[in-house]
Amino acid sequence: MTTFKDIFKSKFLEQFMNNISISTVVITLGIAAIFSLWVFFVYKLTTKNMVYSKSFNNAMALMSIITAAIVLSMQANIVVSLGMVGALSIVRFRTAIKEPRDLMFLFWAISNGIIIGANIYAIALFLSIIITIAMFILDLIPSKALPCLLLINCDNFKTEEKAIKILQNKKIKYHIKSRNVSEQRIDLLLELSASMYDNLIEDISKIKGIINLNLISQDGESQF
């Protein structure tokens, strides 16, 4: 005897057993591929890091296609959707993402896949346009020059005082990060906050008693 509960279950399952046509799959994944290339080139054009990871960019771009395929599969069959939810819940990614900007691009790629897999192409288009414009506008905003590190190796404290005097004459703000004193030499590490260091190394190197000089640029956030 067929009960109302059986009818409800059958109707509910029929809604998730719709066959997705090949044309729908091709169109959806094709659009996802186009947006993947979009994310790929925006990331490549706006990256200013010294080390550009092409493998990360490739994996991030393909994430949209993979996510779109998963969403399509979940729409086609409730059994598959429940299985994917269970499978994805136990997946753990061990790759550390150091840059918040990389995390934003990765989330953008995944969001494109979800939105395109749900056949809401307009939202994916407007989202990508807004993010692209925002990225290029923010990229045009000048940032404050990052401080540099100056490592001075000298033989005595008088030589150190002369080097500090040159920094003061050039009106370069400095902050002593460390000072290592031994019997034969003094190792002084200074953090300099200036955009130009004209002839700084040349002037300090003329001081008698200077053993070695190193001017190092650093990446990160400015603290000045």
N, C-alpha and C. Protein backbone atom coordinates (compact mmCIF):
# COMPACT_ATOMS: atom_id res chain seq x y z
N MET A 1 0.85 -1.19 0.00
CA MET A 1 0.00 0.00 0.00
C MET A 1 0.89 1.25 0.00
N THR A 2 0.63 2.13 -0.93
CA THR A 2 1.41 3.36 -1.06
C THR A 2 0.87 4.42 -0.11
N THR A 3 1.71 4.91 0.73
CA THR A 3 1.32 5.93 1.70
C THR A 3 1.76 7.31 1.22
N PHE A 4 1.27 8.31 1.93
CA PHE A 4 1.65 9.69 1.60
C PHE A 4 3.15 9.88 1.79
N LYS A 5 3.71 9.17 2.78
CA LYS A 5 5.14 9.27 3.03
C LYS A 5 5.95 8.76 1.84
N ASP A 6 5.46 7.65 1.23
CA ASP A 6 6.15 7.10 0.07
C ASP A 6 6.06 8.05 -1.12
N ILE A 7 4.90 8.65 -1.29
CA ILE A 7 4.71 9.60 -2.39
C ILE A 7 5.62 10.81 -2.21
N PHE A 8 5.70 11.29 -0.97
CA PHE A 8 6.56 12.45 -0.68
C PHE A 8 8.01 12.13 -0.97
N LYS A 9 8.45 10.93 -0.56
CA LYS A 9 9.84 10.54 -0.81
C LYS A 9 10.14 10.43 -2.29
N SER A 10 9.19 9.84 -3.04
CA SER A 10 9.42 9.66 -4.47
C SER A 10 9.47 11.01 -5.19
N LYS A 11 8.58 11.93 -4.84
CA LYS A 11 8.59 13.25 -5.45
C LYS A 11 9.87 14.01 -5.09
N PHE A 12 10.29 13.84 -3.83
CA PHE A 12 11.49 14.54 -3.39
C PHE A 12 12.72 14.03 -4.13
N LEU A 13 12.79 12.72 -4.31
CA LEU A 13 13.92 12.15 -5.02
C LEU A 13 13.90 12.49 -6.50
N GLU A 14 12.69 12.59 -7.09
CA GLU A 14 12.60 12.92 -8.51
C GLU A 14 13.18 14.30 -8.81
N GLN A 15 13.08 15.20 -7.84
CA GLN A 15 13.60 16.54 -8.05
C GLN A 15 15.13 16.55 -8.14
N PHE A 16 15.76 15.53 -7.56
CA PHE A 16 17.21 15.47 -7.56
C PHE A 16 17.75 14.39 -8.48
N MET A 17 16.88 13.81 -9.30
CA MET A 17 17.31 12.78 -10.24
C MET A 17 17.20 13.26 -11.67
N ASN A 18 17.15 14.59 -11.85
CA ASN A 18 17.04 15.14 -13.20
C ASN A 18 18.32 14.90 -13.97
N ASN A 19 18.18 14.41 -15.17
CA ASN A 19 19.34 14.18 -16.02
C ASN A 19 19.79 15.50 -16.62
N ILE A 20 21.07 15.79 -16.50
CA ILE A 20 21.64 17.02 -17.05
C ILE A 20 22.15 16.70 -18.44
N SER A 21 21.75 17.50 -19.40
CA SER A 21 22.13 17.25 -20.79
C SER A 21 23.61 17.53 -21.00
N ILE A 22 24.15 16.92 -22.06
CA ILE A 22 25.56 17.13 -22.40
C ILE A 22 25.82 18.59 -22.76
N SER A 23 24.86 19.20 -23.43
CA SER A 23 25.03 20.61 -23.81
C SER A 23 25.14 21.50 -22.58
N THR A 24 24.35 21.20 -21.55
CA THR A 24 24.42 21.99 -20.32
C THR A 24 25.78 21.84 -19.65
N VAL A 25 26.28 20.62 -19.63
CA VAL A 25 27.59 20.37 -19.03
C VAL A 25 28.69 21.11 -19.79
N VAL A 26 28.64 21.01 -21.12
CA VAL A 26 29.67 21.66 -21.95
C VAL A 26 29.62 23.18 -21.79
N ILE A 27 28.43 23.73 -21.81
CA ILE A 27 28.30 25.19 -21.69
C ILE A 27 28.77 25.66 -20.31
N THR A 28 28.35 24.96 -19.27
CA THR A 28 28.71 25.35 -17.91
C THR A 28 30.21 25.27 -17.69
N LEU A 29 30.81 24.15 -18.07
CA LEU A 29 32.25 24.00 -17.87
C LEU A 29 33.05 24.93 -18.79
N GLY A 30 32.50 25.20 -19.99
CA GLY A 30 33.16 26.15 -20.89
C GLY A 30 33.18 27.55 -20.30
N ILE A 31 32.05 27.97 -19.73
CA ILE A 31 32.01 29.29 -19.09
C ILE A 31 32.93 29.32 -17.87
N ALA A 32 32.96 28.22 -17.13
CA ALA A 32 33.87 28.15 -15.98
C ALA A 32 35.33 28.26 -16.42
N ALA A 33 35.65 27.66 -17.58
CA ALA A 33 37.01 27.75 -18.10
C ALA A 33 37.36 29.18 -18.48
N ILE A 34 36.41 29.91 -19.05
CA ILE A 34 36.65 31.31 -19.41
C ILE A 34 36.92 32.15 -18.17
N PHE A 35 36.13 31.94 -17.14
CA PHE A 35 36.34 32.68 -15.90
C PHE A 35 37.63 32.24 -15.21
N SER A 36 38.03 31.00 -15.40
CA SER A 36 39.31 30.54 -14.85
C SER A 36 40.47 31.29 -15.48
N LEU A 37 40.41 31.49 -16.81
CA LEU A 37 41.44 32.27 -17.48
C LEU A 37 41.42 33.72 -17.01
N TRP A 38 40.24 34.22 -16.73
CA TRP A 38 40.11 35.58 -16.21
C TRP A 38 40.87 35.72 -14.89
N VAL A 39 40.60 34.80 -13.96
CA VAL A 39 41.28 34.83 -12.66
C VAL A 39 42.78 34.66 -12.84
N PHE A 40 43.18 33.78 -13.75
CA PHE A 40 44.59 33.50 -13.99
C PHE A 40 45.35 34.76 -14.41
N PHE A 41 44.81 35.49 -15.39
CA PHE A 41 45.51 36.66 -15.92
C PHE A 41 45.46 37.84 -14.95
N VAL A 42 44.36 38.00 -14.21
CA VAL A 42 44.30 39.09 -13.23
C VAL A 42 45.33 38.85 -12.13
N TYR A 43 45.44 37.60 -11.68
CA TYR A 43 46.44 37.28 -10.64
C TYR A 43 47.86 37.53 -11.16
N LYS A 44 48.10 37.12 -12.40
CA LYS A 44 49.44 37.28 -12.98
C LYS A 44 49.80 38.74 -13.17
N LEU A 45 48.85 39.56 -13.60
CA LEU A 45 49.13 40.97 -13.87
C LEU A 45 49.27 41.80 -12.60
N THR A 46 48.61 41.39 -11.54
CA THR A 46 48.63 42.19 -10.31
C THR A 46 49.62 41.68 -9.28
N THR A 47 50.31 40.57 -9.57
CA THR A 47 51.28 40.04 -8.61
C THR A 47 52.58 40.81 -8.71
N LYS A 48 53.06 41.30 -7.58
CA LYS A 48 54.31 42.05 -7.55
C LYS A 48 55.36 41.37 -6.69
N ASN A 49 55.07 40.18 -6.23
CA ASN A 49 56.04 39.47 -5.42
C ASN A 49 57.25 39.07 -6.26
N MET A 50 58.38 38.97 -5.62
CA MET A 50 59.60 38.58 -6.32
C MET A 50 59.49 37.16 -6.87
N VAL A 51 58.83 36.28 -6.12
CA VAL A 51 58.66 34.89 -6.53
C VAL A 51 57.21 34.69 -6.98
N TYR A 52 57.02 34.44 -8.27
CA TYR A 52 55.69 34.20 -8.81
C TYR A 52 55.51 32.69 -9.00
N SER A 53 54.51 32.13 -8.34
CA SER A 53 54.26 30.69 -8.41
C SER A 53 53.24 30.41 -9.51
N LYS A 54 53.73 29.95 -10.64
CA LYS A 54 52.83 29.61 -11.74
C LYS A 54 51.99 28.39 -11.42
N SER A 55 52.55 27.44 -10.69
CA SER A 55 51.80 26.24 -10.33
C SER A 55 50.62 26.57 -9.44
N PHE A 56 50.81 27.52 -8.48
CA PHE A 56 49.69 27.95 -7.65
C PHE A 56 48.62 28.64 -8.47
N ASN A 57 49.04 29.48 -9.42
CA ASN A 57 48.09 30.18 -10.26
C ASN A 57 47.30 29.20 -11.13
N ASN A 58 47.99 28.20 -11.68
CA ASN A 58 47.30 27.19 -12.49
C ASN A 58 46.27 26.42 -11.66
N ALA A 59 46.69 25.99 -10.47
CA ALA A 59 45.78 25.23 -9.61
C ALA A 59 44.59 26.08 -9.18
N MET A 60 44.84 27.35 -8.89
CA MET A 60 43.77 28.23 -8.46
C MET A 60 42.77 28.47 -9.58
N ALA A 61 43.27 28.66 -10.80
CA ALA A 61 42.37 28.90 -11.93
C ALA A 61 41.51 27.68 -12.23
N LEU A 62 42.10 26.50 -12.19
CA LEU A 62 41.34 25.27 -12.46
C LEU A 62 40.34 24.94 -11.37
N MET A 63 40.48 25.59 -10.22
CA MET A 63 39.55 25.36 -9.12
C MET A 63 38.12 25.71 -9.52
N SER A 64 37.95 26.72 -10.37
CA SER A 64 36.60 27.11 -10.80
C SER A 64 35.93 26.00 -11.60
N ILE A 65 36.67 25.36 -12.50
CA ILE A 65 36.11 24.28 -13.31
C ILE A 65 35.75 23.08 -12.44
N ILE A 66 36.63 22.74 -11.52
CA ILE A 66 36.36 21.59 -10.64
C ILE A 66 35.14 21.85 -9.77
N THR A 67 35.05 23.05 -9.22
CA THR A 67 33.91 23.38 -8.35
C THR A 67 32.61 23.40 -9.13
N ALA A 68 32.65 23.92 -10.35
CA ALA A 68 31.45 23.94 -11.18
C ALA A 68 30.98 22.52 -11.50
N ALA A 69 31.92 21.61 -11.77
CA ALA A 69 31.56 20.22 -12.03
C ALA A 69 30.94 19.56 -10.80
N ILE A 70 31.46 19.88 -9.62
CA ILE A 70 30.90 19.33 -8.38
C ILE A 70 29.47 19.82 -8.16
N VAL A 71 29.24 21.11 -8.39
CA VAL A 71 27.89 21.67 -8.20
C VAL A 71 26.91 21.06 -9.20
N LEU A 72 27.35 20.85 -10.44
CA LEU A 72 26.49 20.20 -11.43
C LEU A 72 26.13 18.78 -11.00
N SER A 73 27.09 18.05 -10.49
CA SER A 73 26.84 16.68 -10.05
C SER A 73 25.88 16.64 -8.87
N MET A 74 26.00 17.61 -7.98
CA MET A 74 25.11 17.66 -6.82
C MET A 74 23.69 18.00 -7.24
N GLN A 75 23.53 18.75 -8.32
CA GLN A 75 22.19 19.06 -8.81
C GLN A 75 21.55 17.86 -9.50
N ALA A 76 22.37 16.98 -10.04
CA ALA A 76 21.84 15.88 -10.84
C ALA A 76 21.32 14.74 -9.99
N ASN A 77 21.96 14.47 -8.85
CA ASN A 77 21.61 13.28 -8.09
C ASN A 77 21.81 13.55 -6.60
N ILE A 78 20.77 13.30 -5.81
CA ILE A 78 20.87 13.56 -4.38
C ILE A 78 21.83 12.61 -3.70
N VAL A 79 21.92 11.38 -4.22
CA VAL A 79 22.85 10.40 -3.64
C VAL A 79 24.29 10.85 -3.84
N VAL A 80 24.57 11.33 -5.06
CA VAL A 80 25.91 11.84 -5.34
C VAL A 80 26.21 13.07 -4.50
N SER A 81 25.23 13.94 -4.33
CA SER A 81 25.44 15.15 -3.56
C SER A 81 25.75 14.84 -2.10
N LEU A 82 25.01 13.88 -1.53
CA LEU A 82 25.29 13.50 -0.14
C LEU A 82 26.66 12.84 -0.02
N GLY A 83 27.00 12.04 -1.02
CA GLY A 83 28.31 11.40 -0.99
C GLY A 83 29.44 12.41 -1.09
N MET A 84 29.25 13.45 -1.94
CA MET A 84 30.29 14.48 -2.07
C MET A 84 30.42 15.30 -0.80
N VAL A 85 29.29 15.59 -0.16
CA VAL A 85 29.36 16.34 1.09
C VAL A 85 30.15 15.56 2.13
N GLY A 86 29.89 14.27 2.19
CA GLY A 86 30.62 13.45 3.14
C GLY A 86 32.09 13.32 2.80
N ALA A 87 32.39 13.20 1.50
CA ALA A 87 33.78 13.05 1.08
C ALA A 87 34.57 14.34 1.28
N LEU A 88 33.97 15.46 0.91
CA LEU A 88 34.67 16.74 1.02
C LEU A 88 34.84 17.18 2.47
N SER A 89 33.97 16.67 3.36
CA SER A 89 34.07 17.07 4.76
C SER A 89 35.31 16.49 5.44
N ILE A 90 35.87 15.42 4.88
CA ILE A 90 37.05 14.81 5.50
C ILE A 90 38.34 15.19 4.78
N VAL A 91 38.23 16.01 3.73
CA VAL A 91 39.42 16.44 3.00
C VAL A 91 40.11 17.56 3.78
N ARG A 92 41.39 17.46 3.94
CA ARG A 92 42.18 18.48 4.63
C ARG A 92 43.34 18.90 3.73
N PHE A 93 43.42 20.20 3.47
CA PHE A 93 44.50 20.74 2.64
C PHE A 93 45.62 21.23 3.54
N ARG A 94 46.82 20.72 3.30
CA ARG A 94 47.97 21.04 4.14
C ARG A 94 48.80 22.19 3.61
N THR A 95 48.53 22.64 2.39
CA THR A 95 49.34 23.72 1.81
C THR A 95 49.05 25.04 2.53
N ALA A 96 50.10 25.65 3.05
CA ALA A 96 49.95 26.91 3.77
C ALA A 96 49.92 28.08 2.78
N ILE A 97 48.93 28.94 2.94
CA ILE A 97 48.81 30.14 2.11
C ILE A 97 49.27 31.32 2.95
N LYS A 98 50.41 31.88 2.60
CA LYS A 98 51.02 32.92 3.42
C LYS A 98 50.43 34.29 3.17
N GLU A 99 50.05 34.56 1.92
CA GLU A 99 49.58 35.89 1.56
C GLU A 99 48.05 35.95 1.63
N PRO A 100 47.46 36.92 2.35
CA PRO A 100 46.00 37.08 2.36
C PRO A 100 45.45 37.33 0.97
N ARG A 101 46.26 37.97 0.12
CA ARG A 101 45.83 38.24 -1.26
C ARG A 101 45.63 36.94 -2.03
N ASP A 102 46.50 35.96 -1.83
CA ASP A 102 46.35 34.66 -2.49
C ASP A 102 45.09 33.95 -2.02
N LEU A 103 44.77 34.10 -0.74
CA LEU A 103 43.55 33.50 -0.21
C LEU A 103 42.31 34.12 -0.83
N MET A 104 42.36 35.44 -1.08
CA MET A 104 41.24 36.12 -1.72
C MET A 104 41.03 35.61 -3.14
N PHE A 105 42.11 35.45 -3.90
CA PHE A 105 42.00 34.93 -5.26
C PHE A 105 41.48 33.49 -5.26
N LEU A 106 41.93 32.69 -4.32
CA LEU A 106 41.46 31.31 -4.23
C LEU A 106 39.97 31.26 -3.93
N PHE A 107 39.51 32.10 -3.02
CA PHE A 107 38.09 32.16 -2.69
C PHE A 107 37.29 32.68 -3.88
N TRP A 108 37.86 33.61 -4.63
CA TRP A 108 37.20 34.12 -5.84
C TRP A 108 37.02 33.00 -6.86
N ALA A 109 38.05 32.20 -7.08
CA ALA A 109 37.96 31.10 -8.04
C ALA A 109 36.92 30.07 -7.61
N ILE A 110 36.88 29.73 -6.33
CA ILE A 110 35.89 28.76 -5.84
C ILE A 110 34.48 29.33 -5.95
N SER A 111 34.33 30.62 -5.62
CA SER A 111 33.01 31.25 -5.72
C SER A 111 32.50 31.26 -7.15
N ASN A 112 33.40 31.53 -8.11
CA ASN A 112 33.01 31.48 -9.52
C ASN A 112 32.49 30.10 -9.89
N GLY A 113 33.19 29.05 -9.42
CA GLY A 113 32.75 27.70 -9.73
C GLY A 113 31.38 27.39 -9.17
N ILE A 114 31.12 27.81 -7.93
CA ILE A 114 29.82 27.56 -7.30
C ILE A 114 28.71 28.31 -8.03
N ILE A 115 28.97 29.59 -8.33
CA ILE A 115 27.94 30.41 -8.98
C ILE A 115 27.66 29.92 -10.39
N ILE A 116 28.73 29.59 -11.15
CA ILE A 116 28.54 29.13 -12.52
C ILE A 116 27.90 27.74 -12.53
N GLY A 117 28.28 26.88 -11.60
CA GLY A 117 27.65 25.56 -11.51
C GLY A 117 26.17 25.64 -11.21
N ALA A 118 25.75 26.70 -10.53
CA ALA A 118 24.32 26.92 -10.25
C ALA A 118 23.63 27.66 -11.39
N ASN A 119 24.36 27.89 -12.51
CA ASN A 119 23.81 28.54 -13.72
C ASN A 119 23.37 29.98 -13.47
N ILE A 120 24.06 30.66 -12.55
CA ILE A 120 23.79 32.08 -12.31
C ILE A 120 24.98 32.86 -12.88
N TYR A 121 25.02 32.93 -14.21
CA TYR A 121 26.19 33.48 -14.88
C TYR A 121 26.33 34.99 -14.67
N ALA A 122 25.23 35.69 -14.54
CA ALA A 122 25.29 37.15 -14.41
C ALA A 122 26.02 37.56 -13.14
N ILE A 123 25.77 36.84 -12.03
CA ILE A 123 26.43 37.19 -10.77
C ILE A 123 27.93 36.96 -10.90
N ALA A 124 28.33 35.85 -11.53
CA ALA A 124 29.76 35.58 -11.71
C ALA A 124 30.41 36.66 -12.56
N LEU A 125 29.70 37.14 -13.59
CA LEU A 125 30.24 38.18 -14.46
C LEU A 125 30.43 39.49 -13.71
N PHE A 126 29.39 39.95 -13.02
CA PHE A 126 29.49 41.21 -12.29
C PHE A 126 30.49 41.11 -11.14
N LEU A 127 30.55 39.97 -10.48
CA LEU A 127 31.52 39.78 -9.41
C LEU A 127 32.94 39.90 -9.95
N SER A 128 33.22 39.27 -11.08
CA SER A 128 34.56 39.32 -11.65
C SER A 128 34.92 40.72 -12.13
N ILE A 129 33.96 41.41 -12.72
CA ILE A 129 34.22 42.78 -13.18
C ILE A 129 34.55 43.70 -12.00
N ILE A 130 33.77 43.59 -10.93
CA ILE A 130 33.99 44.46 -9.76
C ILE A 130 35.33 44.16 -9.11
N ILE A 131 35.66 42.87 -8.94
CA ILE A 131 36.92 42.51 -8.31
C ILE A 131 38.10 42.97 -9.17
N THR A 132 37.99 42.80 -10.49
CA THR A 132 39.09 43.21 -11.38
C THR A 132 39.32 44.71 -11.31
N ILE A 133 38.26 45.49 -11.39
CA ILE A 133 38.39 46.95 -11.31
C ILE A 133 38.97 47.35 -9.96
N ALA A 134 38.47 46.74 -8.89
CA ALA A 134 38.97 47.07 -7.55
C ALA A 134 40.44 46.73 -7.40
N MET A 135 40.87 45.59 -7.97
CA MET A 135 42.27 45.19 -7.86
C MET A 135 43.19 46.19 -8.55
N PHE A 136 42.82 46.62 -9.75
CA PHE A 136 43.68 47.55 -10.49
C PHE A 136 43.66 48.95 -9.86
N ILE A 137 42.51 49.36 -9.30
CA ILE A 137 42.46 50.67 -8.63
C ILE A 137 43.33 50.65 -7.38
N LEU A 138 43.21 49.60 -6.57
CA LEU A 138 44.02 49.49 -5.37
C LEU A 138 45.51 49.36 -5.71
N ASP A 139 45.79 48.78 -6.86
CA ASP A 139 47.19 48.62 -7.26
C ASP A 139 47.82 49.96 -7.64
N LEU A 140 46.98 50.91 -8.08
CA LEU A 140 47.48 52.24 -8.47
C LEU A 140 47.74 53.14 -7.27
N ILE A 141 47.16 52.80 -6.12
CA ILE A 141 47.37 53.63 -4.93
C ILE A 141 48.79 53.43 -4.43
N PRO A 142 49.58 54.50 -4.35
CA PRO A 142 50.98 54.35 -3.92
C PRO A 142 51.06 53.95 -2.45
N SER A 143 51.99 53.11 -2.15
CA SER A 143 52.20 52.67 -0.78
C SER A 143 53.47 53.31 -0.22
N LYS A 144 53.54 53.41 1.06
CA LYS A 144 54.69 54.01 1.71
C LYS A 144 55.91 53.11 1.54
N ALA A 145 57.04 53.73 1.32
CA ALA A 145 58.27 52.96 1.11
C ALA A 145 58.60 52.14 2.35
N LEU A 146 58.94 50.89 2.13
CA LEU A 146 59.28 50.01 3.23
C LEU A 146 60.67 50.33 3.75
N PRO A 147 60.90 50.17 5.05
CA PRO A 147 62.24 50.44 5.59
C PRO A 147 63.26 49.42 5.11
N CYS A 148 64.50 49.84 5.10
CA CYS A 148 65.61 48.95 4.74
C CYS A 148 66.43 48.63 5.98
N LEU A 149 67.18 47.55 5.88
CA LEU A 149 68.06 47.14 6.96
C LEU A 149 69.50 47.45 6.57
N LEU A 150 70.23 48.10 7.48
CA LEU A 150 71.63 48.42 7.26
C LEU A 150 72.46 47.67 8.29
N LEU A 151 73.32 46.81 7.80
CA LEU A 151 74.20 46.03 8.67
C LEU A 151 75.61 46.62 8.58
N ILE A 152 76.11 47.10 9.72
CA ILE A 152 77.42 47.72 9.79
C ILE A 152 78.33 46.84 10.66
N ASN A 153 79.45 46.47 10.09
CA ASN A 153 80.48 45.75 10.84
C ASN A 153 81.68 46.69 10.98
N CYS A 154 81.99 47.09 12.20
CA CYS A 154 83.08 48.02 12.45
C CYS A 154 83.96 47.51 13.59
N ASP A 155 85.07 48.21 13.83
CA ASP A 155 86.05 47.70 14.79
C ASP A 155 85.93 48.30 16.17
N ASN A 156 85.26 49.48 16.33
CA ASN A 156 85.15 50.08 17.67
C ASN A 156 83.93 51.00 17.71
N PHE A 157 83.67 51.54 18.90
CA PHE A 157 82.48 52.37 19.12
C PHE A 157 82.61 53.73 18.45
N LYS A 158 83.84 54.26 18.33
CA LYS A 158 84.01 55.55 17.66
C LYS A 158 83.61 55.47 16.18
N THR A 159 83.94 54.34 15.55
CA THR A 159 83.54 54.14 14.16
C THR A 159 82.03 54.06 14.04
N GLU A 160 81.41 53.41 15.01
CA GLU A 160 79.94 53.33 15.02
C GLU A 160 79.33 54.72 15.16
N GLU A 161 79.89 55.55 16.03
CA GLU A 161 79.36 56.90 16.23
C GLU A 161 79.48 57.73 14.95
N LYS A 162 80.57 57.56 14.21
CA LYS A 162 80.74 58.29 12.95
C LYS A 162 79.70 57.87 11.91
N ALA A 163 79.39 56.56 11.87
CA ALA A 163 78.39 56.07 10.93
C ALA A 163 77.00 56.60 11.29
N ILE A 164 76.70 56.63 12.59
CA ILE A 164 75.41 57.17 13.04
C ILE A 164 75.33 58.66 12.71
N LYS A 165 76.45 59.36 12.82
CA LYS A 165 76.48 60.80 12.53
C LYS A 165 76.13 61.06 11.07
N ILE A 166 76.59 60.21 10.18
CA ILE A 166 76.25 60.37 8.76
C ILE A 166 74.75 60.21 8.54
N LEU A 167 74.15 59.25 9.21
CA LEU A 167 72.70 59.06 9.10
C LEU A 167 71.96 60.30 9.59
N GLN A 168 72.42 60.87 10.68
CA GLN A 168 71.77 62.07 11.22
C GLN A 168 71.94 63.26 10.29
N ASN A 169 73.12 63.41 9.69
CA ASN A 169 73.34 64.52 8.76
C ASN A 169 72.47 64.40 7.52
N LYS A 170 72.22 63.17 7.08
CA LYS A 170 71.36 62.95 5.91
C LYS A 170 69.88 62.94 6.29
N LYS A 171 69.60 63.13 7.57
CA LYS A 171 68.22 63.18 8.09
C LYS A 171 67.46 61.88 7.78
N ILE A 172 68.16 60.77 7.96
CA ILE A 172 67.55 59.45 7.78
C ILE A 172 67.18 58.91 9.16
N LYS A 173 65.91 58.64 9.35
CA LYS A 173 65.48 58.08 10.63
C LYS A 173 65.95 56.63 10.73
N TYR A 174 66.38 56.28 11.90
CA TYR A 174 66.90 54.93 12.09
C TYR A 174 66.43 54.37 13.43
N HIS A 175 66.43 53.07 13.49
CA HIS A 175 66.08 52.37 14.72
C HIS A 175 67.03 51.20 14.88
N ILE A 176 67.71 51.15 16.01
CA ILE A 176 68.68 50.08 16.25
C ILE A 176 67.94 48.79 16.58
N LYS A 177 68.11 47.81 15.70
CA LYS A 177 67.45 46.51 15.90
C LYS A 177 68.29 45.59 16.78
N SER A 178 69.60 45.61 16.58
CA SER A 178 70.48 44.78 17.40
C SER A 178 71.90 45.33 17.34
N ARG A 179 72.66 45.02 18.42
CA ARG A 179 74.07 45.40 18.49
C ARG A 179 74.82 44.23 19.12
N ASN A 180 75.72 43.66 18.36
CA ASN A 180 76.51 42.53 18.82
C ASN A 180 77.97 42.98 18.98
N VAL A 181 78.47 42.93 20.21
CA VAL A 181 79.81 43.44 20.50
C VAL A 181 80.71 42.26 20.86
N SER A 182 81.86 42.19 20.20
CA SER A 182 82.88 41.20 20.51
C SER A 182 84.22 41.90 20.72
N GLU A 183 85.28 41.14 20.93
CA GLU A 183 86.58 41.74 21.21
C GLU A 183 87.15 42.48 20.00
N GLN A 184 86.88 41.97 18.82
CA GLN A 184 87.51 42.53 17.62
C GLN A 184 86.59 43.35 16.74
N ARG A 185 85.25 43.25 16.94
CA ARG A 185 84.35 43.96 16.04
C ARG A 185 83.01 44.21 16.71
N ILE A 186 82.24 45.11 16.08
CA ILE A 186 80.88 45.44 16.52
C ILE A 186 79.97 45.23 15.31
N ASP A 187 78.92 44.45 15.51
CA ASP A 187 77.92 44.22 14.46
C ASP A 187 76.66 44.99 14.83
N LEU A 188 76.32 45.96 14.00
CA LEU A 188 75.19 46.85 14.27
C LEU A 188 74.15 46.69 13.17
N LEU A 189 72.91 46.41 13.59
CA LEU A 189 71.81 46.27 12.62
C LEU A 189 70.83 47.40 12.85
N LEU A 190 70.64 48.21 11.78
CA LEU A 190 69.76 49.38 11.85
C LEU A 190 68.61 49.23 10.87
N GLU A 191 67.45 49.72 11.27
CA GLU A 191 66.30 49.78 10.38
C GLU A 191 66.13 51.23 9.95
N LEU A 192 66.23 51.48 8.66
CA LEU A 192 66.19 52.84 8.13
C LEU A 192 64.84 53.12 7.50
N SER A 193 64.30 54.31 7.75
CA SER A 193 63.02 54.71 7.16
C SER A 193 63.24 55.92 6.27
N ALA A 194 63.49 55.66 5.00
CA ALA A 194 63.68 56.71 4.01
C ALA A 194 63.44 56.12 2.64
N SER A 195 63.07 56.98 1.69
CA SER A 195 62.83 56.51 0.33
C SER A 195 64.08 56.56 -0.53
N MET A 196 65.05 57.41 -0.17
CA MET A 196 66.28 57.54 -0.94
C MET A 196 67.48 57.40 -0.01
N TYR A 197 68.49 56.70 -0.51
CA TYR A 197 69.72 56.50 0.25
C TYR A 197 70.92 56.91 -0.62
N ASP A 198 70.88 58.14 -1.08
CA ASP A 198 71.92 58.62 -2.00
C ASP A 198 73.29 58.62 -1.34
N ASN A 199 74.21 57.89 -1.95
CA ASN A 199 75.62 57.87 -1.51
C ASN A 199 75.80 57.47 -0.05
N LEU A 200 74.80 56.82 0.53
CA LEU A 200 74.91 56.46 1.94
C LEU A 200 76.00 55.42 2.16
N ILE A 201 75.97 54.36 1.37
CA ILE A 201 76.98 53.31 1.52
C ILE A 201 78.38 53.84 1.21
N GLU A 202 78.46 54.70 0.20
CA GLU A 202 79.76 55.26 -0.19
C GLU A 202 80.34 56.12 0.92
N ASP A 203 79.50 56.96 1.55
CA ASP A 203 79.98 57.84 2.61
C ASP A 203 80.39 57.07 3.85
N ILE A 204 79.61 56.06 4.22
CA ILE A 204 79.94 55.29 5.43
C ILE A 204 81.18 54.43 5.19
N SER A 205 81.32 53.93 3.98
CA SER A 205 82.48 53.07 3.69
C SER A 205 83.80 53.83 3.75
N LYS A 206 83.77 55.16 3.65
CA LYS A 206 84.99 55.96 3.72
C LYS A 206 85.51 56.10 5.15
N ILE A 207 84.67 55.75 6.12
CA ILE A 207 85.09 55.86 7.52
C ILE A 207 86.14 54.79 7.82
N LYS A 208 87.22 55.20 8.43
CA LYS A 208 88.26 54.25 8.81
C LYS A 208 87.76 53.36 9.94
N GLY A 209 87.89 52.09 9.76
CA GLY A 209 87.43 51.14 10.78
C GLY A 209 86.20 50.36 10.36
N ILE A 210 85.58 50.72 9.23
CA ILE A 210 84.43 49.97 8.71
C ILE A 210 84.94 48.69 8.05
N ILE A 211 84.44 47.57 8.51
CA ILE A 211 84.86 46.27 7.98
C ILE A 211 83.96 45.82 6.83
N ASN A 212 82.67 45.97 7.05
CA ASN A 212 81.72 45.49 6.03
C ASN A 212 80.42 46.26 6.16
N LEU A 213 79.74 46.45 5.01
CA LEU A 213 78.44 47.13 4.98
C LEU A 213 77.47 46.33 4.12
N ASN A 214 76.21 46.27 4.58
CA ASN A 214 75.16 45.60 3.81
C ASN A 214 73.87 46.40 3.95
N LEU A 215 73.31 46.80 2.81
CA LEU A 215 72.01 47.49 2.77
C LEU A 215 71.01 46.53 2.17
N ILE A 216 70.01 46.14 2.95
CA ILE A 216 69.09 45.08 2.57
C ILE A 216 67.66 45.64 2.55
N SER A 217 66.99 45.46 1.43
CA SER A 217 65.56 45.81 1.36
C SER A 217 64.75 44.64 1.90
N GLN A 218 63.63 44.96 2.52
CA GLN A 218 62.82 43.93 3.14
C GLN A 218 61.39 44.03 2.66
N ASP A 219 60.70 42.88 2.68
CA ASP A 219 59.30 42.82 2.33
C ASP A 219 58.47 42.76 3.60
N GLY A 220 57.24 43.24 3.49
CA GLY A 220 56.36 43.20 4.65
C GLY A 220 55.68 44.54 4.84
N GLU A 221 55.14 44.76 6.04
CA GLU A 221 54.41 45.98 6.35
C GLU A 221 55.34 46.97 7.03
N SER A 222 55.18 48.21 6.65
CA SER A 222 55.98 49.26 7.26
C SER A 222 55.47 49.57 8.66
N GLN A 223 56.39 49.75 9.60
CA GLN A 223 56.03 50.05 10.97
C GLN A 223 56.21 51.53 11.31
N PHE A 224 56.59 52.32 10.33
CA PHE A 224 56.82 53.74 10.59
C PHE A 224 55.59 54.54 10.21
